[in-house]
Amino acid sequence: MTFNRSRPGILRICAVLALGTLTACEGIETERANPESYRDSLRRDSGKLFGDINLLGGSDDSAAANSGIGVNGFLWRASLDTLSFLPLSSADPFGGVIITDWYAPPESPSERFKVTVYILGRELRSDGLRVAVFRQKKEDGNEWLDAATGDNAATSLENAILTRARELRVARADG
């Protein structure tokens, strides 16, 4: 059996070239784009299901009103608080849309209401909120038909939400 000694020589040459290339890069200084270490970011985000995303706006951060969701946190929380008596169909904190299911008040079971809230921005402003109220009445054939809502139903709900949002903001500033 013959032993080919040229193969180990080639491997040594490749190893020397690889080491030479690595040591040539030793003098180059690199700067991290983010000075926070991986361990620090894990420690900061530990216990958070969605990392920095805060779905309900509850945080000690001064910018908590705008952290984690795509809309103003005070308007979002105030909308949920104001509509808490209605059954919730869907809520999208990133798009700022809250849709309730139909609700029939106990005092008038022949009519029902549905509300949709649109939060339009990240700032606490009166024009950053739109409310749509839908009403239906039960007719003789037990069929629900669309009916007109009062002229100020949506405006009244908007004002109630804005008032609650201001209360939440003042409470955050005090505490």
N, C-alpha and C. Protein backbone atom coordinates (compact mmCIF):
# COMPACT_ATOMS: atom_id res chain seq x y z
N MET A 1 0.84 -1.16 0.00
CA MET A 1 0.00 0.00 0.00
C MET A 1 0.89 1.23 0.00
N THR A 2 0.58 2.10 -0.89
CA THR A 2 1.38 3.32 -0.99
C THR A 2 0.65 4.46 -0.30
N PHE A 3 1.41 5.32 0.32
CA PHE A 3 0.85 6.45 1.06
C PHE A 3 1.16 7.72 0.29
N ASN A 4 0.15 8.50 0.00
CA ASN A 4 0.31 9.72 -0.77
C ASN A 4 0.54 10.88 0.21
N ARG A 5 1.78 11.38 0.22
CA ARG A 5 2.14 12.45 1.15
C ARG A 5 1.76 13.84 0.62
N SER A 6 1.35 13.96 -0.60
CA SER A 6 1.03 15.28 -1.14
C SER A 6 -0.28 15.82 -0.57
N ARG A 7 -1.18 14.96 -0.19
CA ARG A 7 -2.46 15.40 0.36
C ARG A 7 -2.29 16.13 1.69
N PRO A 8 -1.57 15.62 2.68
CA PRO A 8 -1.38 16.39 3.91
C PRO A 8 -0.67 17.70 3.66
N GLY A 9 0.18 17.79 2.69
CA GLY A 9 0.86 19.05 2.38
C GLY A 9 -0.12 20.09 1.88
N ILE A 10 -1.07 19.69 1.08
CA ILE A 10 -2.07 20.62 0.57
C ILE A 10 -2.95 21.11 1.71
N LEU A 11 -3.32 20.22 2.62
CA LEU A 11 -4.14 20.61 3.76
C LEU A 11 -3.42 21.61 4.65
N ARG A 12 -2.08 21.39 4.85
CA ARG A 12 -1.31 22.35 5.65
C ARG A 12 -1.24 23.71 4.99
N ILE A 13 -1.07 23.73 3.71
CA ILE A 13 -1.00 25.01 2.98
C ILE A 13 -2.33 25.75 3.09
N CYS A 14 -3.45 25.03 2.96
CA CYS A 14 -4.78 25.66 3.08
C CYS A 14 -4.99 26.19 4.49
N ALA A 15 -4.55 25.42 5.49
CA ALA A 15 -4.72 25.86 6.88
C ALA A 15 -3.90 27.11 7.15
N VAL A 16 -2.68 27.16 6.66
CA VAL A 16 -1.83 28.33 6.86
C VAL A 16 -2.43 29.55 6.16
N LEU A 17 -2.95 29.36 4.95
CA LEU A 17 -3.57 30.48 4.23
C LEU A 17 -4.82 30.99 4.97
N ALA A 18 -5.62 30.07 5.51
CA ALA A 18 -6.82 30.48 6.24
C ALA A 18 -6.44 31.24 7.50
N LEU A 19 -5.45 30.77 8.23
CA LEU A 19 -5.01 31.48 9.43
C LEU A 19 -4.42 32.84 9.09
N GLY A 20 -3.68 32.87 8.00
CA GLY A 20 -3.09 34.15 7.58
C GLY A 20 -4.17 35.15 7.21
N THR A 21 -5.21 34.70 6.58
CA THR A 21 -6.32 35.59 6.21
C THR A 21 -7.02 36.10 7.46
N LEU A 22 -7.25 35.22 8.43
CA LEU A 22 -7.92 35.64 9.66
C LEU A 22 -7.09 36.61 10.47
N THR A 23 -5.79 36.37 10.55
CA THR A 23 -4.96 37.29 11.33
C THR A 23 -4.78 38.61 10.62
N ALA A 24 -4.92 38.64 9.31
CA ALA A 24 -4.84 39.90 8.58
C ALA A 24 -6.03 40.80 8.90
N CYS A 25 -7.16 40.19 9.23
CA CYS A 25 -8.37 40.97 9.57
C CYS A 25 -8.37 41.41 11.03
N GLU A 26 -7.39 40.96 11.81
CA GLU A 26 -7.37 41.24 13.23
C GLU A 26 -7.25 42.73 13.53
N GLY A 27 -6.54 43.46 12.74
CA GLY A 27 -6.32 44.88 13.00
C GLY A 27 -7.48 45.77 12.60
N ILE A 28 -8.45 45.24 11.88
CA ILE A 28 -9.58 46.04 11.44
C ILE A 28 -10.55 46.20 12.60
N GLU A 29 -10.90 47.46 12.90
CA GLU A 29 -11.83 47.71 13.98
C GLU A 29 -13.24 47.80 13.41
N THR A 30 -14.14 47.13 14.07
CA THR A 30 -15.54 47.18 13.65
C THR A 30 -16.35 47.83 14.77
N GLU A 31 -17.41 48.49 14.38
CA GLU A 31 -18.27 49.14 15.35
C GLU A 31 -19.66 48.52 15.25
N ARG A 32 -20.26 48.22 16.38
CA ARG A 32 -21.59 47.64 16.38
C ARG A 32 -22.61 48.72 16.03
N ALA A 33 -23.59 48.33 15.25
CA ALA A 33 -24.67 49.26 14.92
C ALA A 33 -25.53 49.55 16.14
N ASN A 34 -25.73 48.54 16.97
CA ASN A 34 -26.53 48.71 18.18
C ASN A 34 -25.64 48.35 19.37
N PRO A 35 -25.31 49.30 20.22
CA PRO A 35 -24.40 49.02 21.32
C PRO A 35 -25.00 48.09 22.38
N GLU A 36 -26.32 47.86 22.36
CA GLU A 36 -26.94 46.98 23.33
C GLU A 36 -26.58 45.53 23.01
N SER A 37 -26.09 44.83 24.00
CA SER A 37 -25.71 43.44 23.77
C SER A 37 -26.95 42.57 23.67
N TYR A 38 -26.75 41.40 23.13
CA TYR A 38 -27.84 40.44 22.99
C TYR A 38 -28.41 40.08 24.36
N ARG A 39 -27.53 39.90 25.33
CA ARG A 39 -27.96 39.55 26.69
C ARG A 39 -28.80 40.69 27.29
N ASP A 40 -28.40 41.95 27.04
CA ASP A 40 -29.17 43.09 27.55
C ASP A 40 -30.56 43.15 26.92
N SER A 41 -30.64 42.86 25.61
CA SER A 41 -31.95 42.90 24.96
C SER A 41 -32.84 41.77 25.46
N LEU A 42 -32.27 40.61 25.76
CA LEU A 42 -33.06 39.52 26.33
C LEU A 42 -33.57 39.88 27.72
N ARG A 43 -32.70 40.51 28.51
CA ARG A 43 -33.10 40.91 29.86
C ARG A 43 -34.20 41.97 29.81
N ARG A 44 -34.09 42.92 28.88
CA ARG A 44 -35.07 43.99 28.75
C ARG A 44 -36.42 43.43 28.30
N ASP A 45 -36.42 42.45 27.39
CA ASP A 45 -37.66 41.92 26.84
C ASP A 45 -38.16 40.69 27.58
N SER A 46 -37.50 40.27 28.63
CA SER A 46 -37.93 39.06 29.31
C SER A 46 -39.31 39.26 29.92
N GLY A 47 -40.12 38.24 29.77
CA GLY A 47 -41.46 38.28 30.30
C GLY A 47 -42.46 38.97 29.41
N LYS A 48 -42.03 39.44 28.24
CA LYS A 48 -42.94 40.11 27.32
C LYS A 48 -43.26 39.14 26.19
N LEU A 49 -44.52 38.86 26.00
CA LEU A 49 -44.94 37.91 24.98
C LEU A 49 -44.63 38.43 23.59
N PHE A 50 -44.82 39.73 23.35
CA PHE A 50 -44.61 40.31 22.04
C PHE A 50 -43.42 41.26 22.00
N GLY A 51 -42.45 41.09 22.88
CA GLY A 51 -41.29 41.98 22.89
C GLY A 51 -41.69 43.38 23.31
N ASP A 52 -41.44 44.38 22.46
CA ASP A 52 -41.76 45.77 22.77
C ASP A 52 -43.22 46.12 22.54
N ILE A 53 -43.99 45.22 21.95
CA ILE A 53 -45.38 45.51 21.65
C ILE A 53 -46.21 45.44 22.92
N ASN A 54 -46.94 46.49 23.18
CA ASN A 54 -47.77 46.57 24.37
C ASN A 54 -49.21 46.75 23.91
N LEU A 55 -49.99 45.67 23.93
CA LEU A 55 -51.31 45.70 23.34
C LEU A 55 -52.30 46.60 24.05
N LEU A 56 -52.21 46.74 25.35
CA LEU A 56 -53.20 47.50 26.08
C LEU A 56 -52.71 48.85 26.55
N GLY A 57 -51.49 49.21 26.23
CA GLY A 57 -50.99 50.54 26.56
C GLY A 57 -50.54 50.71 27.99
N GLY A 58 -50.50 49.66 28.79
CA GLY A 58 -50.08 49.78 30.18
C GLY A 58 -48.59 49.67 30.32
N SER A 59 -47.92 50.77 30.59
CA SER A 59 -46.47 50.78 30.71
C SER A 59 -46.07 51.96 31.58
N ASP A 60 -44.87 51.89 32.14
CA ASP A 60 -44.37 53.01 32.93
C ASP A 60 -43.64 54.03 32.06
N ASP A 61 -43.48 53.73 30.80
CA ASP A 61 -42.76 54.60 29.88
C ASP A 61 -43.54 55.89 29.66
N SER A 62 -42.85 57.00 29.51
CA SER A 62 -43.52 58.28 29.32
C SER A 62 -44.22 58.35 27.97
N ALA A 63 -43.77 57.58 27.01
CA ALA A 63 -44.41 57.56 25.69
C ALA A 63 -45.39 56.40 25.59
N ALA A 64 -45.95 55.99 26.71
CA ALA A 64 -46.82 54.82 26.73
C ALA A 64 -48.07 54.99 25.89
N ALA A 65 -48.49 56.21 25.67
CA ALA A 65 -49.70 56.42 24.90
C ALA A 65 -49.53 55.96 23.47
N ASN A 66 -48.32 55.87 22.98
CA ASN A 66 -48.09 55.50 21.59
C ASN A 66 -47.23 54.26 21.44
N SER A 67 -46.96 53.55 22.51
CA SER A 67 -46.07 52.41 22.38
C SER A 67 -46.86 51.14 22.17
N GLY A 68 -46.40 50.35 21.23
CA GLY A 68 -46.94 49.01 21.07
C GLY A 68 -48.12 48.88 20.15
N ILE A 69 -48.95 49.88 20.04
CA ILE A 69 -50.09 49.78 19.15
C ILE A 69 -50.00 50.87 18.11
N GLY A 70 -50.74 50.71 17.05
CA GLY A 70 -50.63 51.65 15.94
C GLY A 70 -51.41 52.93 16.12
N VAL A 71 -52.13 53.06 17.23
CA VAL A 71 -52.97 54.23 17.45
C VAL A 71 -52.72 54.78 18.85
N ASN A 72 -53.37 55.88 19.17
CA ASN A 72 -53.20 56.50 20.48
C ASN A 72 -53.73 55.57 21.57
N GLY A 73 -52.91 55.28 22.55
CA GLY A 73 -53.28 54.35 23.61
C GLY A 73 -54.41 54.86 24.49
N PHE A 74 -54.48 56.17 24.71
CA PHE A 74 -55.55 56.73 25.52
C PHE A 74 -56.90 56.60 24.81
N LEU A 75 -56.92 56.89 23.52
CA LEU A 75 -58.16 56.74 22.76
C LEU A 75 -58.58 55.27 22.68
N TRP A 76 -57.61 54.40 22.53
CA TRP A 76 -57.90 52.96 22.45
C TRP A 76 -58.53 52.48 23.76
N ARG A 77 -57.88 52.79 24.87
CA ARG A 77 -58.38 52.34 26.17
C ARG A 77 -59.73 52.98 26.49
N ALA A 78 -59.88 54.27 26.18
CA ALA A 78 -61.14 54.97 26.43
C ALA A 78 -62.27 54.39 25.59
N SER A 79 -61.99 54.01 24.37
CA SER A 79 -63.01 53.40 23.52
C SER A 79 -63.47 52.07 24.10
N LEU A 80 -62.52 51.25 24.54
CA LEU A 80 -62.88 49.97 25.15
C LEU A 80 -63.67 50.17 26.44
N ASP A 81 -63.27 51.15 27.24
CA ASP A 81 -63.98 51.43 28.49
C ASP A 81 -65.41 51.91 28.22
N THR A 82 -65.55 52.82 27.27
CA THR A 82 -66.86 53.41 26.99
C THR A 82 -67.82 52.38 26.40
N LEU A 83 -67.30 51.48 25.59
CA LEU A 83 -68.15 50.48 24.93
C LEU A 83 -68.18 49.16 25.70
N SER A 84 -67.76 49.16 26.94
CA SER A 84 -67.64 47.91 27.69
C SER A 84 -68.98 47.21 27.93
N PHE A 85 -70.09 47.93 27.83
CA PHE A 85 -71.40 47.31 28.02
C PHE A 85 -71.88 46.56 26.77
N LEU A 86 -71.21 46.78 25.64
CA LEU A 86 -71.57 46.11 24.38
C LEU A 86 -70.70 44.88 24.19
N PRO A 87 -71.26 43.82 23.60
CA PRO A 87 -70.43 42.64 23.30
C PRO A 87 -69.44 42.98 22.18
N LEU A 88 -68.20 42.61 22.37
CA LEU A 88 -67.14 42.94 21.43
C LEU A 88 -67.05 41.88 20.34
N SER A 89 -67.08 42.30 19.09
CA SER A 89 -66.96 41.37 17.96
C SER A 89 -65.51 41.24 17.53
N SER A 90 -64.83 42.39 17.37
CA SER A 90 -63.41 42.36 17.03
C SER A 90 -62.75 43.67 17.45
N ALA A 91 -61.45 43.58 17.70
CA ALA A 91 -60.67 44.75 18.08
C ALA A 91 -59.28 44.61 17.48
N ASP A 92 -58.88 45.58 16.69
CA ASP A 92 -57.58 45.57 16.03
C ASP A 92 -56.76 46.75 16.55
N PRO A 93 -55.84 46.50 17.51
CA PRO A 93 -55.08 47.61 18.08
C PRO A 93 -54.06 48.21 17.11
N PHE A 94 -53.71 47.50 16.06
CA PHE A 94 -52.74 48.03 15.11
C PHE A 94 -53.42 48.89 14.05
N GLY A 95 -54.62 48.51 13.64
CA GLY A 95 -55.38 49.30 12.68
C GLY A 95 -56.29 50.32 13.33
N GLY A 96 -56.56 50.16 14.63
CA GLY A 96 -57.38 51.11 15.36
C GLY A 96 -58.87 50.96 15.10
N VAL A 97 -59.34 49.73 14.92
CA VAL A 97 -60.76 49.50 14.66
C VAL A 97 -61.34 48.62 15.75
N ILE A 98 -62.46 49.06 16.32
CA ILE A 98 -63.20 48.28 17.31
C ILE A 98 -64.61 48.09 16.77
N ILE A 99 -65.04 46.84 16.68
CA ILE A 99 -66.38 46.53 16.17
C ILE A 99 -67.12 45.75 17.25
N THR A 100 -68.30 46.23 17.60
CA THR A 100 -69.11 45.51 18.58
C THR A 100 -70.09 44.60 17.85
N ASP A 101 -70.64 43.67 18.60
CA ASP A 101 -71.70 42.83 18.07
C ASP A 101 -73.03 43.53 18.34
N TRP A 102 -74.10 43.01 17.80
CA TRP A 102 -75.41 43.61 18.03
C TRP A 102 -75.78 43.51 19.50
N TYR A 103 -76.40 44.57 20.02
CA TYR A 103 -76.82 44.63 21.41
C TYR A 103 -78.26 45.15 21.48
N ALA A 104 -79.12 44.38 22.13
CA ALA A 104 -80.51 44.80 22.33
C ALA A 104 -80.67 45.20 23.80
N PRO A 105 -80.96 46.47 24.07
CA PRO A 105 -81.14 46.89 25.46
C PRO A 105 -82.33 46.16 26.09
N PRO A 106 -82.22 45.82 27.36
CA PRO A 106 -83.31 45.11 28.03
C PRO A 106 -84.63 45.89 28.03
N GLU A 107 -84.57 47.22 28.05
CA GLU A 107 -85.79 48.02 28.08
C GLU A 107 -86.49 48.10 26.73
N SER A 108 -85.80 47.78 25.65
CA SER A 108 -86.42 47.78 24.31
C SER A 108 -85.86 46.63 23.48
N PRO A 109 -86.36 45.41 23.69
CA PRO A 109 -85.83 44.25 22.97
C PRO A 109 -86.18 44.21 21.48
N SER A 110 -87.03 45.12 21.02
CA SER A 110 -87.38 45.12 19.60
C SER A 110 -86.44 45.99 18.76
N GLU A 111 -85.40 46.52 19.37
CA GLU A 111 -84.38 47.25 18.62
C GLU A 111 -83.00 46.83 19.11
N ARG A 112 -82.02 46.94 18.22
CA ARG A 112 -80.66 46.59 18.58
C ARG A 112 -79.68 47.55 17.94
N PHE A 113 -78.48 47.63 18.54
CA PHE A 113 -77.46 48.58 18.11
C PHE A 113 -76.13 47.88 17.89
N LYS A 114 -75.36 48.45 17.02
CA LYS A 114 -74.00 47.99 16.74
C LYS A 114 -73.14 49.23 16.56
N VAL A 115 -71.90 49.20 17.08
CA VAL A 115 -71.03 50.38 17.02
C VAL A 115 -69.68 49.97 16.43
N THR A 116 -69.16 50.84 15.58
CA THR A 116 -67.80 50.69 15.06
C THR A 116 -67.03 51.96 15.38
N VAL A 117 -65.85 51.78 15.97
CA VAL A 117 -64.99 52.91 16.33
C VAL A 117 -63.73 52.84 15.48
N TYR A 118 -63.38 53.96 14.88
CA TYR A 118 -62.15 54.08 14.10
C TYR A 118 -61.24 55.09 14.79
N ILE A 119 -60.08 54.65 15.22
CA ILE A 119 -59.08 55.57 15.78
C ILE A 119 -58.10 55.85 14.66
N LEU A 120 -58.00 57.11 14.29
CA LEU A 120 -57.34 57.47 13.04
C LEU A 120 -55.88 57.89 13.18
N GLY A 121 -55.37 58.00 14.38
CA GLY A 121 -53.99 58.45 14.50
C GLY A 121 -53.39 58.12 15.85
N ARG A 122 -52.16 58.58 16.02
CA ARG A 122 -51.42 58.31 17.25
C ARG A 122 -51.47 59.48 18.24
N GLU A 123 -52.20 60.53 17.88
CA GLU A 123 -52.28 61.69 18.75
C GLU A 123 -53.66 61.77 19.38
N LEU A 124 -53.72 62.31 20.58
CA LEU A 124 -54.99 62.49 21.27
C LEU A 124 -55.62 63.79 20.79
N ARG A 125 -56.42 63.66 19.73
CA ARG A 125 -57.09 64.80 19.13
C ARG A 125 -58.53 64.42 18.82
N SER A 126 -59.40 65.41 18.80
CA SER A 126 -60.81 65.13 18.55
C SER A 126 -61.06 64.62 17.13
N ASP A 127 -60.23 65.03 16.18
CA ASP A 127 -60.42 64.54 14.81
C ASP A 127 -59.71 63.20 14.58
N GLY A 128 -59.16 62.62 15.60
CA GLY A 128 -58.50 61.31 15.49
C GLY A 128 -59.43 60.16 15.82
N LEU A 129 -60.73 60.43 15.86
CA LEU A 129 -61.70 59.42 16.27
C LEU A 129 -62.97 59.56 15.45
N ARG A 130 -63.47 58.44 14.93
CA ARG A 130 -64.76 58.41 14.24
C ARG A 130 -65.57 57.25 14.78
N VAL A 131 -66.85 57.49 15.01
CA VAL A 131 -67.74 56.45 15.52
C VAL A 131 -68.91 56.32 14.55
N ALA A 132 -69.26 55.08 14.24
CA ALA A 132 -70.44 54.80 13.43
C ALA A 132 -71.39 53.95 14.27
N VAL A 133 -72.65 54.38 14.35
CA VAL A 133 -73.66 53.67 15.12
C VAL A 133 -74.71 53.14 14.14
N PHE A 134 -75.03 51.86 14.28
CA PHE A 134 -76.02 51.22 13.43
C PHE A 134 -77.19 50.77 14.31
N ARG A 135 -78.39 50.91 13.79
CA ARG A 135 -79.59 50.55 14.55
C ARG A 135 -80.52 49.74 13.66
N GLN A 136 -81.11 48.73 14.25
CA GLN A 136 -82.11 47.93 13.55
C GLN A 136 -83.32 47.75 14.45
N LYS A 137 -84.49 47.66 13.80
CA LYS A 137 -85.74 47.42 14.53
C LYS A 137 -86.35 46.12 14.03
N LYS A 138 -86.97 45.40 14.95
CA LYS A 138 -87.62 44.14 14.60
C LYS A 138 -89.04 44.46 14.11
N GLU A 139 -89.33 43.99 12.91
CA GLU A 139 -90.66 44.22 12.32
C GLU A 139 -91.57 43.04 12.63
N ASP A 140 -92.78 43.10 12.11
CA ASP A 140 -93.81 42.10 12.41
C ASP A 140 -93.38 40.68 12.08
N GLY A 141 -92.67 40.49 11.00
CA GLY A 141 -92.26 39.15 10.58
C GLY A 141 -91.00 38.67 11.28
N ASN A 142 -90.67 39.24 12.46
CA ASN A 142 -89.45 38.92 13.20
C ASN A 142 -88.19 39.11 12.36
N GLU A 143 -88.25 40.08 11.51
CA GLU A 143 -87.12 40.40 10.64
C GLU A 143 -86.51 41.72 11.08
N TRP A 144 -85.19 41.78 11.17
CA TRP A 144 -84.51 43.00 11.55
C TRP A 144 -84.33 43.88 10.33
N LEU A 145 -84.79 45.12 10.43
CA LEU A 145 -84.65 46.09 9.35
C LEU A 145 -83.85 47.29 9.86
N ASP A 146 -83.03 47.84 8.97
CA ASP A 146 -82.23 49.01 9.34
C ASP A 146 -83.14 50.18 9.68
N ALA A 147 -82.75 50.93 10.68
CA ALA A 147 -83.50 52.11 11.12
C ALA A 147 -82.51 53.25 11.33
N ALA A 148 -83.03 54.44 11.29
CA ALA A 148 -82.17 55.63 11.46
C ALA A 148 -81.80 55.78 12.94
N THR A 149 -80.59 56.23 13.15
CA THR A 149 -80.16 56.55 14.52
C THR A 149 -80.38 58.04 14.72
N GLY A 150 -80.32 58.46 15.94
CA GLY A 150 -80.44 59.90 16.21
C GLY A 150 -79.29 60.65 15.56
N ASP A 151 -79.54 61.91 15.26
CA ASP A 151 -78.51 62.72 14.60
C ASP A 151 -77.24 62.84 15.43
N ASN A 152 -77.37 62.81 16.74
CA ASN A 152 -76.20 63.04 17.57
C ASN A 152 -75.72 61.78 18.30
N ALA A 153 -76.16 60.60 17.90
CA ALA A 153 -75.75 59.36 18.59
C ALA A 153 -74.24 59.14 18.46
N ALA A 154 -73.75 59.23 17.25
CA ALA A 154 -72.31 59.01 17.02
C ALA A 154 -71.49 60.11 17.69
N THR A 155 -71.95 61.35 17.59
CA THR A 155 -71.23 62.47 18.20
C THR A 155 -71.19 62.33 19.72
N SER A 156 -72.30 61.90 20.30
CA SER A 156 -72.33 61.71 21.76
C SER A 156 -71.35 60.64 22.20
N LEU A 157 -71.27 59.55 21.45
CA LEU A 157 -70.30 58.50 21.78
C LEU A 157 -68.86 59.00 21.61
N GLU A 158 -68.61 59.73 20.53
CA GLU A 158 -67.28 60.31 20.33
C GLU A 158 -66.89 61.20 21.50
N ASN A 159 -67.81 62.05 21.94
CA ASN A 159 -67.52 62.94 23.06
C ASN A 159 -67.27 62.16 24.35
N ALA A 160 -68.03 61.11 24.58
CA ALA A 160 -67.82 60.29 25.77
C ALA A 160 -66.44 59.62 25.74
N ILE A 161 -66.04 59.13 24.58
CA ILE A 161 -64.72 58.49 24.44
C ILE A 161 -63.61 59.51 24.65
N LEU A 162 -63.76 60.69 24.05
CA LEU A 162 -62.74 61.73 24.21
C LEU A 162 -62.63 62.19 25.65
N THR A 163 -63.75 62.30 26.34
CA THR A 163 -63.72 62.69 27.75
C THR A 163 -62.98 61.64 28.57
N ARG A 164 -63.28 60.38 28.32
CA ARG A 164 -62.60 59.30 29.05
C ARG A 164 -61.10 59.28 28.72
N ALA A 165 -60.74 59.53 27.47
CA ALA A 165 -59.32 59.56 27.08
C ALA A 165 -58.58 60.67 27.81
N ARG A 166 -59.21 61.83 27.94
CA ARG A 166 -58.59 62.94 28.68
C ARG A 166 -58.40 62.56 30.15
N GLU A 167 -59.41 61.90 30.73
CA GLU A 167 -59.30 61.46 32.12
C GLU A 167 -58.13 60.49 32.29
N LEU A 168 -57.98 59.57 31.35
CA LEU A 168 -56.87 58.61 31.43
C LEU A 168 -55.52 59.32 31.31
N ARG A 169 -55.45 60.30 30.44
CA ARG A 169 -54.19 61.04 30.27
C ARG A 169 -53.84 61.83 31.52
N VAL A 170 -54.84 62.48 32.12
CA VAL A 170 -54.59 63.24 33.36
C VAL A 170 -54.18 62.29 34.48
N ALA A 171 -54.84 61.15 34.56
CA ALA A 171 -54.47 60.17 35.61
C ALA A 171 -53.05 59.66 35.40
N ARG A 172 -52.63 59.50 34.17
CA ARG A 172 -51.26 59.05 33.88
C ARG A 172 -50.26 60.12 34.27
N ALA A 173 -50.61 61.38 34.00
CA ALA A 173 -49.70 62.49 34.33
C ALA A 173 -49.56 62.65 35.84
N ASP A 174 -50.64 62.42 36.59
CA ASP A 174 -50.61 62.56 38.04
C ASP A 174 -49.86 61.42 38.71
N GLY A 175 -49.95 60.23 38.14
CA GLY A 175 -49.36 59.07 38.80
C GLY A 175 -48.09 58.71 38.29
